[in-house]
Amino acid sequence: MKNPIEVSVCIDSTLEKVWKAWTDPECIKIWNVPFADWHCPFVKNEVRSGGAFHFRMEKIDGSDGFDYMGKYKEVVPKTKILIIQDDDRLSSVMFQKENKGVRVVEVFEPENSTDLKQQEEFCQSVLLKFKDFVEGNLSL
């Protein structure tokens, strides 16, 4: 990976619940938003080695948005996900048990057209929304 960016969050939950929330399309639609004025109206997610994914993220007013798409290069359930995005950038997500829950570590190759700090903040914000979703959702 070229100039990788790493973000992480520790979630007070079980590995099973964290994995379900990370991979279930209906859950993803809820937590996969960086800011209150964004939403994720479409999710296709085939979580398996060789499977494809497509998440549509956009501002609620439609003024900005993008499609996050690619293939899963390797999936080890409840452990790691390796991704090749549709623009050939690489990323990984690791799930690590800790004393007080699960640490989710996301490492990704940044795109060239957006400020690096902005990309890091965007991704970290999504992870924090994920944490809030998992910790606040007793039905997972």
N, C-alpha and C. Protein backbone atom coordinates (compact mmCIF):
# COMPACT_ATOMS: atom_id res chain seq x y z
N MET A 1 0.84 -1.19 0.00
CA MET A 1 0.00 0.00 0.00
C MET A 1 0.87 1.24 0.00
N LYS A 2 0.48 2.23 -0.79
CA LYS A 2 1.21 3.50 -0.83
C LYS A 2 0.65 4.45 0.21
N ASN A 3 1.52 4.99 1.06
CA ASN A 3 1.15 5.99 2.07
C ASN A 3 -0.14 5.63 2.82
N PRO A 4 -0.20 4.46 3.44
CA PRO A 4 -1.46 4.04 4.07
C PRO A 4 -1.88 4.94 5.22
N ILE A 5 -3.18 5.06 5.37
CA ILE A 5 -3.80 5.76 6.49
C ILE A 5 -4.42 4.70 7.38
N GLU A 6 -4.21 4.82 8.69
CA GLU A 6 -4.77 3.86 9.64
C GLU A 6 -5.67 4.58 10.64
N VAL A 7 -6.85 4.02 10.84
CA VAL A 7 -7.77 4.50 11.85
C VAL A 7 -8.28 3.30 12.63
N SER A 8 -8.66 3.53 13.88
CA SER A 8 -9.16 2.40 14.67
C SER A 8 -10.12 2.89 15.74
N VAL A 9 -10.84 1.93 16.30
CA VAL A 9 -11.79 2.22 17.36
C VAL A 9 -11.94 0.95 18.20
N CYS A 10 -12.12 1.12 19.50
CA CYS A 10 -12.37 -0.02 20.39
C CYS A 10 -13.85 0.00 20.76
N ILE A 11 -14.50 -1.14 20.58
CA ILE A 11 -15.94 -1.25 20.77
C ILE A 11 -16.23 -2.18 21.94
N ASP A 12 -17.05 -1.73 22.85
CA ASP A 12 -17.44 -2.53 24.01
C ASP A 12 -18.58 -3.47 23.59
N SER A 13 -18.19 -4.59 22.98
CA SER A 13 -19.15 -5.56 22.50
C SER A 13 -18.43 -6.87 22.22
N THR A 14 -19.19 -7.84 21.75
CA THR A 14 -18.59 -9.13 21.40
C THR A 14 -18.12 -9.11 19.95
N LEU A 15 -17.20 -9.99 19.64
CA LEU A 15 -16.71 -10.12 18.27
C LEU A 15 -17.84 -10.50 17.33
N GLU A 16 -18.74 -11.35 17.78
CA GLU A 16 -19.87 -11.79 16.95
C GLU A 16 -20.76 -10.61 16.56
N LYS A 17 -21.08 -9.75 17.52
CA LYS A 17 -21.93 -8.60 17.23
C LYS A 17 -21.22 -7.58 16.34
N VAL A 18 -19.94 -7.37 16.58
CA VAL A 18 -19.16 -6.44 15.75
C VAL A 18 -19.12 -6.94 14.31
N TRP A 19 -18.86 -8.22 14.12
CA TRP A 19 -18.79 -8.80 12.77
C TRP A 19 -20.14 -8.67 12.07
N LYS A 20 -21.22 -9.01 12.78
CA LYS A 20 -22.55 -8.91 12.17
C LYS A 20 -22.83 -7.49 11.72
N ALA A 21 -22.58 -6.52 12.59
CA ALA A 21 -22.85 -5.12 12.26
C ALA A 21 -21.99 -4.64 11.10
N TRP A 22 -20.75 -5.14 11.00
CA TRP A 22 -19.84 -4.71 9.93
C TRP A 22 -20.25 -5.28 8.58
N THR A 23 -20.89 -6.45 8.58
CA THR A 23 -21.13 -7.16 7.32
C THR A 23 -22.59 -7.17 6.86
N ASP A 24 -23.53 -6.92 7.73
CA ASP A 24 -24.95 -6.99 7.38
C ASP A 24 -25.38 -5.72 6.62
N PRO A 25 -25.92 -5.86 5.40
CA PRO A 25 -26.28 -4.67 4.60
C PRO A 25 -27.23 -3.70 5.30
N GLU A 26 -28.22 -4.21 6.03
CA GLU A 26 -29.16 -3.31 6.70
C GLU A 26 -28.48 -2.53 7.83
N CYS A 27 -27.55 -3.17 8.52
CA CYS A 27 -26.79 -2.46 9.55
C CYS A 27 -25.89 -1.40 8.91
N ILE A 28 -25.23 -1.76 7.82
CA ILE A 28 -24.31 -0.84 7.14
C ILE A 28 -25.03 0.44 6.72
N LYS A 29 -26.26 0.31 6.23
CA LYS A 29 -27.04 1.49 5.83
C LYS A 29 -27.21 2.48 6.98
N ILE A 30 -27.22 1.97 8.20
CA ILE A 30 -27.44 2.83 9.37
C ILE A 30 -26.15 3.49 9.83
N TRP A 31 -25.07 2.72 9.96
CA TRP A 31 -23.84 3.29 10.55
C TRP A 31 -22.85 3.87 9.55
N ASN A 32 -22.94 3.51 8.28
CA ASN A 32 -21.93 3.92 7.30
C ASN A 32 -22.16 5.35 6.81
N VAL A 33 -22.09 6.27 7.75
CA VAL A 33 -22.25 7.70 7.45
C VAL A 33 -21.24 8.48 8.28
N PRO A 34 -20.53 9.41 7.66
CA PRO A 34 -19.52 10.15 8.41
C PRO A 34 -20.08 11.32 9.22
N PHE A 35 -21.16 11.90 8.74
CA PHE A 35 -21.71 13.10 9.36
C PHE A 35 -23.23 13.04 9.35
N ALA A 36 -23.87 13.84 10.17
CA ALA A 36 -25.33 13.80 10.32
C ALA A 36 -26.07 14.13 9.03
N ASP A 37 -25.45 14.88 8.12
CA ASP A 37 -26.13 15.26 6.89
C ASP A 37 -25.84 14.29 5.73
N TRP A 38 -25.29 13.12 6.03
CA TRP A 38 -25.03 12.08 5.04
C TRP A 38 -25.91 10.86 5.32
N HIS A 39 -26.08 10.02 4.29
CA HIS A 39 -26.72 8.73 4.49
C HIS A 39 -26.13 7.72 3.51
N CYS A 40 -26.52 6.47 3.69
CA CYS A 40 -26.01 5.37 2.87
C CYS A 40 -27.24 4.60 2.36
N PRO A 41 -27.85 5.09 1.26
CA PRO A 41 -29.12 4.54 0.83
C PRO A 41 -29.05 3.18 0.13
N PHE A 42 -27.87 2.78 -0.33
CA PHE A 42 -27.77 1.51 -1.07
C PHE A 42 -26.55 0.73 -0.60
N VAL A 43 -26.75 -0.56 -0.30
CA VAL A 43 -25.65 -1.44 0.08
C VAL A 43 -25.85 -2.80 -0.56
N LYS A 44 -24.84 -3.24 -1.28
CA LYS A 44 -24.75 -4.63 -1.76
C LYS A 44 -23.47 -5.17 -1.15
N ASN A 45 -23.53 -6.33 -0.49
CA ASN A 45 -22.36 -6.80 0.24
C ASN A 45 -22.28 -8.32 0.22
N GLU A 46 -21.37 -8.85 -0.57
CA GLU A 46 -21.12 -10.30 -0.65
C GLU A 46 -19.83 -10.58 0.10
N VAL A 47 -19.93 -10.79 1.41
CA VAL A 47 -18.74 -10.89 2.26
C VAL A 47 -18.17 -12.31 2.18
N ARG A 48 -17.30 -12.50 1.20
CA ARG A 48 -16.58 -13.75 0.99
C ARG A 48 -15.40 -13.44 0.08
N SER A 49 -14.38 -14.25 0.14
CA SER A 49 -13.24 -14.05 -0.76
C SER A 49 -13.76 -14.12 -2.19
N GLY A 50 -13.46 -13.07 -2.98
CA GLY A 50 -13.95 -12.98 -4.35
C GLY A 50 -15.29 -12.28 -4.49
N GLY A 51 -15.97 -12.02 -3.38
CA GLY A 51 -17.26 -11.35 -3.42
C GLY A 51 -17.12 -9.87 -3.70
N ALA A 52 -18.22 -9.26 -4.11
CA ALA A 52 -18.23 -7.83 -4.46
C ALA A 52 -18.99 -7.03 -3.40
N PHE A 53 -18.67 -5.73 -3.35
CA PHE A 53 -19.43 -4.82 -2.49
C PHE A 53 -19.67 -3.52 -3.24
N HIS A 54 -20.74 -2.84 -2.85
CA HIS A 54 -21.10 -1.54 -3.42
C HIS A 54 -21.91 -0.79 -2.36
N PHE A 55 -21.33 0.28 -1.85
CA PHE A 55 -22.00 1.14 -0.87
C PHE A 55 -22.15 2.52 -1.52
N ARG A 56 -23.35 3.07 -1.53
CA ARG A 56 -23.58 4.43 -2.00
C ARG A 56 -23.66 5.34 -0.78
N MET A 57 -22.74 6.30 -0.70
CA MET A 57 -22.74 7.28 0.39
C MET A 57 -22.96 8.65 -0.23
N GLU A 58 -23.88 9.42 0.37
CA GLU A 58 -24.16 10.74 -0.19
C GLU A 58 -24.77 11.66 0.86
N LYS A 59 -24.64 12.95 0.58
CA LYS A 59 -25.31 13.94 1.42
C LYS A 59 -26.82 13.76 1.23
N ILE A 60 -27.56 13.97 2.29
CA ILE A 60 -29.01 13.79 2.22
C ILE A 60 -29.63 14.72 1.19
N ASP A 61 -29.08 15.92 1.02
CA ASP A 61 -29.62 16.87 0.04
C ASP A 61 -29.16 16.58 -1.39
N GLY A 62 -28.33 15.55 -1.57
CA GLY A 62 -27.88 15.15 -2.90
C GLY A 62 -26.76 15.99 -3.48
N SER A 63 -26.21 16.92 -2.73
CA SER A 63 -25.19 17.83 -3.27
C SER A 63 -23.81 17.19 -3.41
N ASP A 64 -23.58 16.06 -2.78
CA ASP A 64 -22.29 15.38 -2.86
C ASP A 64 -22.52 13.90 -2.58
N GLY A 65 -21.67 13.06 -3.13
CA GLY A 65 -21.79 11.64 -2.86
C GLY A 65 -20.82 10.84 -3.70
N PHE A 66 -20.71 9.57 -3.37
CA PHE A 66 -19.82 8.69 -4.12
C PHE A 66 -20.22 7.23 -3.90
N ASP A 67 -19.74 6.39 -4.81
CA ASP A 67 -19.93 4.95 -4.71
C ASP A 67 -18.63 4.33 -4.26
N TYR A 68 -18.69 3.58 -3.17
CA TYR A 68 -17.54 2.84 -2.66
C TYR A 68 -17.75 1.40 -3.10
N MET A 69 -16.90 0.95 -4.05
CA MET A 69 -17.10 -0.35 -4.67
C MET A 69 -15.79 -1.11 -4.79
N GLY A 70 -15.90 -2.42 -4.88
CA GLY A 70 -14.72 -3.24 -5.09
C GLY A 70 -15.01 -4.70 -4.85
N LYS A 71 -13.92 -5.43 -4.62
CA LYS A 71 -14.01 -6.88 -4.38
C LYS A 71 -13.27 -7.23 -3.10
N TYR A 72 -13.75 -8.27 -2.47
CA TYR A 72 -13.08 -8.81 -1.30
C TYR A 72 -11.99 -9.77 -1.76
N LYS A 73 -10.75 -9.40 -1.53
CA LYS A 73 -9.61 -10.24 -1.92
C LYS A 73 -9.50 -11.44 -0.97
N GLU A 74 -9.69 -11.18 0.32
CA GLU A 74 -9.64 -12.25 1.32
C GLU A 74 -10.56 -11.90 2.48
N VAL A 75 -11.33 -12.88 2.92
CA VAL A 75 -12.19 -12.71 4.08
C VAL A 75 -11.95 -13.88 5.03
N VAL A 76 -11.52 -13.55 6.23
CA VAL A 76 -11.41 -14.53 7.31
C VAL A 76 -12.42 -14.06 8.36
N PRO A 77 -13.59 -14.73 8.45
CA PRO A 77 -14.65 -14.25 9.32
C PRO A 77 -14.18 -13.95 10.74
N LYS A 78 -14.63 -12.79 11.22
CA LYS A 78 -14.36 -12.30 12.57
C LYS A 78 -12.88 -12.03 12.83
N THR A 79 -12.07 -11.97 11.75
CA THR A 79 -10.64 -11.73 11.90
C THR A 79 -10.14 -10.62 10.99
N LYS A 80 -10.32 -10.80 9.66
CA LYS A 80 -9.80 -9.78 8.73
C LYS A 80 -10.54 -9.79 7.41
N ILE A 81 -10.50 -8.63 6.76
CA ILE A 81 -11.04 -8.43 5.43
C ILE A 81 -10.00 -7.66 4.63
N LEU A 82 -9.62 -8.19 3.47
CA LEU A 82 -8.72 -7.49 2.56
C LEU A 82 -9.52 -7.11 1.32
N ILE A 83 -9.38 -5.87 0.89
CA ILE A 83 -10.22 -5.30 -0.16
C ILE A 83 -9.36 -4.74 -1.29
N ILE A 84 -9.85 -4.93 -2.52
CA ILE A 84 -9.32 -4.21 -3.69
C ILE A 84 -10.47 -3.34 -4.18
N GLN A 85 -10.31 -2.02 -4.04
CA GLN A 85 -11.36 -1.11 -4.48
C GLN A 85 -11.39 -1.04 -6.00
N ASP A 86 -12.48 -0.53 -6.54
CA ASP A 86 -12.64 -0.51 -7.99
C ASP A 86 -11.60 0.35 -8.70
N ASP A 87 -10.90 1.22 -7.97
CA ASP A 87 -9.82 2.01 -8.56
C ASP A 87 -8.45 1.40 -8.24
N ASP A 88 -8.43 0.14 -7.81
CA ASP A 88 -7.23 -0.66 -7.51
C ASP A 88 -6.51 -0.27 -6.22
N ARG A 89 -7.08 0.63 -5.43
CA ARG A 89 -6.48 0.90 -4.13
C ARG A 89 -6.79 -0.25 -3.18
N LEU A 90 -5.88 -0.49 -2.25
CA LEU A 90 -6.03 -1.59 -1.30
C LEU A 90 -6.47 -1.06 0.06
N SER A 91 -7.18 -1.89 0.79
CA SER A 91 -7.51 -1.58 2.17
C SER A 91 -7.71 -2.87 2.94
N SER A 92 -7.60 -2.76 4.26
CA SER A 92 -7.81 -3.92 5.12
C SER A 92 -8.57 -3.49 6.36
N VAL A 93 -9.30 -4.45 6.91
CA VAL A 93 -9.99 -4.24 8.18
C VAL A 93 -9.66 -5.44 9.05
N MET A 94 -9.15 -5.17 10.24
CA MET A 94 -8.80 -6.23 11.19
C MET A 94 -9.71 -6.11 12.41
N PHE A 95 -10.09 -7.26 12.94
CA PHE A 95 -10.94 -7.34 14.13
C PHE A 95 -10.13 -8.04 15.21
N GLN A 96 -9.82 -7.33 16.29
CA GLN A 96 -8.93 -7.86 17.33
C GLN A 96 -9.64 -7.84 18.68
N LYS A 97 -9.72 -9.02 19.31
CA LYS A 97 -10.29 -9.08 20.66
C LYS A 97 -9.36 -8.37 21.63
N GLU A 98 -9.95 -7.60 22.53
CA GLU A 98 -9.21 -6.94 23.60
C GLU A 98 -9.92 -7.19 24.91
N ASN A 99 -9.31 -6.79 26.01
CA ASN A 99 -9.91 -7.01 27.33
C ASN A 99 -11.31 -6.43 27.43
N LYS A 100 -11.51 -5.27 26.85
CA LYS A 100 -12.80 -4.58 26.99
C LYS A 100 -13.56 -4.53 25.67
N GLY A 101 -13.46 -5.56 24.86
CA GLY A 101 -14.24 -5.58 23.64
C GLY A 101 -13.44 -5.96 22.42
N VAL A 102 -13.67 -5.22 21.34
CA VAL A 102 -13.07 -5.53 20.04
C VAL A 102 -12.49 -4.25 19.45
N ARG A 103 -11.26 -4.33 18.99
CA ARG A 103 -10.65 -3.21 18.27
C ARG A 103 -10.82 -3.48 16.78
N VAL A 104 -11.36 -2.49 16.08
CA VAL A 104 -11.48 -2.55 14.62
C VAL A 104 -10.42 -1.59 14.07
N VAL A 105 -9.52 -2.13 13.25
CA VAL A 105 -8.43 -1.34 12.66
C VAL A 105 -8.61 -1.34 11.15
N GLU A 106 -8.77 -0.16 10.58
CA GLU A 106 -8.91 -0.03 9.14
C GLU A 106 -7.68 0.69 8.59
N VAL A 107 -7.06 0.09 7.59
CA VAL A 107 -5.90 0.67 6.91
C VAL A 107 -6.27 0.78 5.44
N PHE A 108 -6.05 1.95 4.86
CA PHE A 108 -6.40 2.10 3.45
C PHE A 108 -5.40 2.98 2.72
N GLU A 109 -5.31 2.71 1.44
CA GLU A 109 -4.48 3.50 0.54
C GLU A 109 -5.31 4.72 0.12
N PRO A 110 -4.84 5.92 0.42
CA PRO A 110 -5.64 7.11 0.12
C PRO A 110 -5.74 7.38 -1.38
N GLU A 111 -6.79 8.10 -1.73
CA GLU A 111 -6.92 8.54 -3.12
C GLU A 111 -6.14 9.84 -3.29
N ASN A 112 -5.81 10.17 -4.52
CA ASN A 112 -4.94 11.32 -4.79
C ASN A 112 -5.66 12.67 -4.80
N SER A 113 -6.96 12.68 -5.05
CA SER A 113 -7.64 13.96 -5.27
C SER A 113 -8.21 14.61 -4.01
N THR A 114 -8.12 13.94 -2.87
CA THR A 114 -8.67 14.48 -1.63
C THR A 114 -7.57 14.60 -0.58
N ASP A 115 -7.59 15.68 0.18
CA ASP A 115 -6.62 15.92 1.23
C ASP A 115 -6.52 14.71 2.17
N LEU A 116 -5.29 14.33 2.53
CA LEU A 116 -5.06 13.14 3.38
C LEU A 116 -5.74 13.27 4.73
N LYS A 117 -5.64 14.42 5.36
CA LYS A 117 -6.25 14.63 6.67
C LYS A 117 -7.77 14.50 6.58
N GLN A 118 -8.33 15.02 5.51
CA GLN A 118 -9.78 14.93 5.31
C GLN A 118 -10.20 13.47 5.15
N GLN A 119 -9.41 12.67 4.42
CA GLN A 119 -9.73 11.25 4.26
C GLN A 119 -9.66 10.51 5.60
N GLU A 120 -8.64 10.83 6.39
CA GLU A 120 -8.50 10.20 7.70
C GLU A 120 -9.67 10.57 8.61
N GLU A 121 -10.04 11.85 8.64
CA GLU A 121 -11.14 12.30 9.49
C GLU A 121 -12.47 11.68 9.05
N PHE A 122 -12.67 11.57 7.75
CA PHE A 122 -13.89 10.97 7.20
C PHE A 122 -14.00 9.52 7.67
N CYS A 123 -12.93 8.77 7.50
CA CYS A 123 -12.92 7.36 7.87
C CYS A 123 -13.07 7.18 9.38
N GLN A 124 -12.36 7.99 10.16
CA GLN A 124 -12.46 7.89 11.61
C GLN A 124 -13.88 8.22 12.08
N SER A 125 -14.50 9.18 11.44
CA SER A 125 -15.87 9.54 11.79
C SER A 125 -16.83 8.38 11.54
N VAL A 126 -16.65 7.67 10.43
CA VAL A 126 -17.48 6.50 10.14
C VAL A 126 -17.26 5.43 11.20
N LEU A 127 -16.01 5.20 11.59
CA LEU A 127 -15.74 4.19 12.63
C LEU A 127 -16.39 4.57 13.96
N LEU A 128 -16.41 5.84 14.28
CA LEU A 128 -17.07 6.27 15.52
C LEU A 128 -18.58 6.06 15.44
N LYS A 129 -19.17 6.28 14.27
CA LYS A 129 -20.60 5.99 14.07
C LYS A 129 -20.85 4.49 14.22
N PHE A 130 -19.92 3.68 13.70
CA PHE A 130 -20.02 2.23 13.83
C PHE A 130 -20.00 1.83 15.30
N LYS A 131 -19.07 2.38 16.04
CA LYS A 131 -18.96 2.11 17.49
C LYS A 131 -20.27 2.46 18.19
N ASP A 132 -20.79 3.65 17.94
CA ASP A 132 -22.05 4.07 18.57
C ASP A 132 -23.19 3.13 18.20
N PHE A 133 -23.23 2.71 16.94
CA PHE A 133 -24.29 1.81 16.48
C PHE A 133 -24.22 0.48 17.22
N VAL A 134 -23.04 -0.13 17.27
CA VAL A 134 -22.89 -1.44 17.91
C VAL A 134 -23.18 -1.35 19.40
N GLU A 135 -22.59 -0.38 20.06
CA GLU A 135 -22.77 -0.28 21.51
C GLU A 135 -24.19 0.09 21.91
N GLY A 136 -24.91 0.75 21.03
CA GLY A 136 -26.28 1.17 21.34
C GLY A 136 -27.36 0.25 20.83
N ASN A 137 -26.98 -0.83 20.14
CA ASN A 137 -27.97 -1.71 19.52
C ASN A 137 -27.99 -3.05 20.23
N LEU A 138 -28.92 -3.22 21.13
CA LEU A 138 -29.01 -4.45 21.92
C LEU A 138 -29.53 -5.64 21.12
N SER A 139 -30.14 -5.38 19.97
CA SER A 139 -30.74 -6.47 19.20
C SER A 139 -29.77 -7.16 18.24
N LEU A 140 -28.51 -6.74 18.21
CA LEU A 140 -27.54 -7.39 17.32
C LEU A 140 -27.28 -8.82 17.76
